[in-house]
C-alpha atoms as a PDB file:
ATOM      1  CA  UNK A   1      -5.765  -9.915 -17.588  1.00  0.00           C
ATOM      2  CA  UNK A   2      -3.727 -12.270 -15.423  1.00  0.00           C
ATOM      3  CA  UNK A   3      -3.581 -11.967 -11.652  1.00  0.00           C
ATOM      4  CA  UNK A   4       0.034 -10.782 -11.926  1.00  0.00           C
ATOM      5  CA  UNK A   5      -0.910  -8.090 -14.459  1.00  0.00           C
ATOM      6  CA  UNK A   6      -3.746  -6.952 -12.214  1.00  0.00           C
ATOM      7  CA  UNK A   7      -1.407  -6.911  -9.229  1.00  0.00           C
ATOM      8  CA  UNK A   8       1.023  -4.680 -11.157  1.00  0.00           C
ATOM      9  CA  UNK A   9      -1.853  -2.337 -12.038  1.00  0.00           C
ATOM     10  CA  UNK A  10      -2.929  -2.217  -8.382  1.00  0.00           C
ATOM     11  CA  UNK A  11       0.612  -1.380  -7.273  1.00  0.00           C
ATOM     12  CA  UNK A  12       0.645   1.505  -9.770  1.00  0.00           C
ATOM     13  CA  UNK A  13      -2.554   2.800  -8.166  1.00  0.00           C
ATOM     14  CA  UNK A  14      -1.218   2.389  -4.634  1.00  0.00           C
ATOM     15  CA  UNK A  15       1.881   4.354  -5.618  1.00  0.00           C
ATOM     16  CA  UNK A  16      -0.348   7.415  -6.141  1.00  0.00           C
ATOM     17  CA  UNK A  17      -1.187   7.515  -2.416  1.00  0.00           C
ATOM     18  CA  UNK A  18       1.298   9.586  -0.420  1.00  0.00           C
ATOM     19  CA  UNK A  19       1.823   9.962   3.289  1.00  0.00           C
ATOM     20  CA  UNK A  20       1.495  13.738   3.802  1.00  0.00           C
ATOM     21  CA  UNK A  21       4.076  13.730   6.600  1.00  0.00           C
ATOM     22  CA  UNK A  22       6.685  11.944   4.470  1.00  0.00           C
ATOM     23  CA  UNK A  23       6.719  12.794   0.750  1.00  0.00           C
ATOM     24  CA  UNK A  24       6.888   9.149  -0.313  1.00  0.00           C
ATOM     25  CA  UNK A  25       4.081   6.923  -1.546  1.00  0.00           C
ATOM     26  CA  UNK A  26       2.750   4.221   0.771  1.00  0.00           C
ATOM     27  CA  UNK A  27       4.105   1.403  -1.420  1.00  0.00           C
ATOM     28  CA  UNK A  28       7.693   2.674  -1.320  1.00  0.00           C
ATOM     29  CA  UNK A  29       7.319   3.438   2.382  1.00  0.00           C
ATOM     30  CA  UNK A  30       6.709  -0.271   2.864  1.00  0.00           C
ATOM     31  CA  UNK A  31       3.289   0.203   4.430  1.00  0.00           C
ATOM     32  CA  UNK A  32       1.790  -2.572   2.303  1.00  0.00           C
ATOM     33  CA  UNK A  33       2.810  -5.840   3.946  1.00  0.00           C
ATOM     34  CA  UNK A  34       0.840  -8.117   1.653  1.00  0.00           C
ATOM     35  CA  UNK A  35      -1.089  -7.774  -1.589  1.00  0.00           C
ATOM     36  CA  UNK A  36      -2.995 -10.823  -2.788  1.00  0.00           C
ATOM     37  CA  UNK A  37      -4.921 -11.039  -6.055  1.00  0.00           C
ATOM     38  CA  UNK A  38      -7.011 -14.126  -6.717  1.00  0.00           C
ATOM     39  CA  UNK A  39      -9.140 -15.269  -9.619  1.00  0.00           C
ATOM     40  CA  UNK A  40     -12.194 -13.201 -10.318  1.00  0.00           C
ATOM     41  CA  UNK A  41     -10.487  -9.934  -9.394  1.00  0.00           C
ATOM     42  CA  UNK A  42     -10.571 -10.424  -5.637  1.00  0.00           C
ATOM     43  CA  UNK A  43      -7.959  -8.349  -3.819  1.00  0.00           C
ATOM     44  CA  UNK A  44      -6.790  -8.468  -0.229  1.00  0.00           C
ATOM     45  CA  UNK A  45      -4.342  -5.979   1.276  1.00  0.00           C
ATOM     46  CA  UNK A  46      -2.547  -6.168   4.590  1.00  0.00           C
ATOM     47  CA  UNK A  47      -1.325  -2.697   5.488  1.00  0.00           C
ATOM     48  CA  UNK A  48       0.296  -0.913   8.381  1.00  0.00           C
ATOM     49  CA  UNK A  49       0.955   2.691   9.302  1.00  0.00           C
ATOM     50  CA  UNK A  50       4.195   4.322  10.394  1.00  0.00           C
ATOM     51  CA  UNK A  51       2.789   4.479  13.944  1.00  0.00           C
ATOM     52  CA  UNK A  52      -0.439   3.353  15.657  1.00  0.00           C
ATOM     53  CA  UNK A  53      -1.290   6.967  16.510  1.00  0.00           C
ATOM     54  CA  UNK A  54      -0.657   8.183  12.950  1.00  0.00           C
ATOM     55  CA  UNK A  55      -2.848  11.244  12.268  1.00  0.00           C
ATOM     56  CA  UNK A  56      -3.621   9.798   8.822  1.00  0.00           C
ATOM     57  CA  UNK A  57      -4.845   6.474  10.268  1.00  0.00           C
ATOM     58  CA  UNK A  58      -8.298   6.821   8.741  1.00  0.00           C
ATOM     59  CA  UNK A  59      -7.469   8.578   5.492  1.00  0.00           C
ATOM     60  CA  UNK A  60      -4.532   6.561   4.162  1.00  0.00           C
ATOM     61  CA  UNK A  61      -6.116   3.077   4.272  1.00  0.00           C
ATOM     62  CA  UNK A  62      -9.336   4.407   2.771  1.00  0.00           C
ATOM     63  CA  UNK A  63      -7.423   6.159  -0.003  1.00  0.00           C
ATOM     64  CA  UNK A  64      -5.518   2.943  -0.794  1.00  0.00           C
ATOM     65  CA  UNK A  65      -8.783   1.004  -0.913  1.00  0.00           C
ATOM     66  CA  UNK A  66     -10.408   3.672  -3.098  1.00  0.00           C
ATOM     67  CA  UNK A  67      -7.510   3.525  -5.594  1.00  0.00           C
ATOM     68  CA  UNK A  68      -7.806  -0.245  -5.805  1.00  0.00           C
ATOM     69  CA  UNK A  69     -11.583  -0.136  -6.294  1.00  0.00           C
ATOM     70  CA  UNK A  70     -11.170   2.366  -9.155  1.00  0.00           C
ATOM     71  CA  UNK A  71      -9.559  -0.370 -11.257  1.00  0.00           C
ATOM     72  CA  UNK A  72     -12.290  -1.926 -13.438  1.00  0.00           C
ATOM     73  CA  UNK A  73     -10.841  -5.453 -13.209  1.00  0.00           C
ATOM     74  CA  UNK A  74     -11.137  -5.453  -9.404  1.00  0.00           C
ATOM     75  CA  UNK A  75     -14.377  -7.172  -8.425  1.00  0.00           C
ATOM     76  CA  UNK A  76     -13.865  -7.089  -4.675  1.00  0.00           C
ATOM     77  CA  UNK A  77     -11.298  -5.493  -2.383  1.00  0.00           C
ATOM     78  CA  UNK A  78     -10.672  -5.631   1.318  1.00  0.00           C
ATOM     79  CA  UNK A  79      -8.005  -4.008   3.429  1.00  0.00           C
ATOM     80  CA  UNK A  80      -6.845  -5.010   6.873  1.00  0.00           C
ATOM     81  CA  UNK A  81      -4.671  -2.884   9.151  1.00  0.00           C
ATOM     82  CA  UNK A  82      -2.007  -4.507  11.310  1.00  0.00           C
ATOM     83  CA  UNK A  83       0.760  -3.264  13.561  1.00  0.00           C
ATOM     84  CA  UNK A  84       2.553  -6.615  13.762  1.00  0.00           C
ATOM     85  CA  UNK A  85       5.310  -6.421  12.912  1.00  0.00           C
ATOM     86  CA  UNK A  86       5.760  -2.751  13.648  1.00  0.00           C
ATOM     87  CA  UNK A  87       6.835  -0.621  10.689  1.00  0.00           C
ATOM     88  CA  UNK A  88      10.429   0.598  10.620  1.00  0.00           C
ATOM     89  CA  UNK A  89      12.865   2.115   8.125  1.00  0.00           C
ATOM     90  CA  UNK A  90      13.980  -1.318   6.887  1.00  0.00           C
ATOM     91  CA  UNK A  91      10.619  -1.587   5.094  1.00  0.00           C
ATOM     92  CA  UNK A  92      11.488   1.303   2.748  1.00  0.00           C
ATOM     93  CA  UNK A  93      12.054   0.509  -0.919  1.00  0.00           C
ATOM     94  CA  UNK A  94      15.512   1.207  -2.336  1.00  0.00           C
ATOM     95  CA  UNK A  95      14.151   4.370  -4.003  1.00  0.00           C
ATOM     96  CA  UNK A  96      12.789   5.607  -0.678  1.00  0.00           C
ATOM     97  CA  UNK A  97      16.060   4.773   1.081  1.00  0.00           C
ATOM     98  CA  UNK A  98      17.863   6.941  -1.470  1.00  0.00           C
ATOM     99  CA  UNK A  99      15.521   9.825  -0.652  1.00  0.00           C
ATOM    100  CA  UNK A 100      16.370   9.411   3.028  1.00  0.00           C
ATOM    101  CA  UNK A 101      20.043   8.971   2.123  1.00  0.00           C
ATOM    102  CA  UNK A 102      20.087   5.581   3.834  1.00  0.00           C
ATOM    103  CA  UNK A 103      21.964   3.840   1.029  1.00  0.00           C
END
């Protein structure tokens, strides 16, 4: 499996994680700022939350990491949380913007 194929598989997994306050998955919400897959199945994720005081601050990142680690081709995964830049509605995917009627 190529790194790009693995990345696509990881994105599919991430799309199964939903923010309970907003019925949209964390990928389409734009909470994943960076997803890097390198040789040997090493994965690094840079993620944010909708707000620093998000009540799901512990659960959501762990759930994303768990989904990634469930993929057999992933040898190692790490996730870092950042609040720079701050999340805003411009980070939404086009599908999510349609749900919010922003398009």
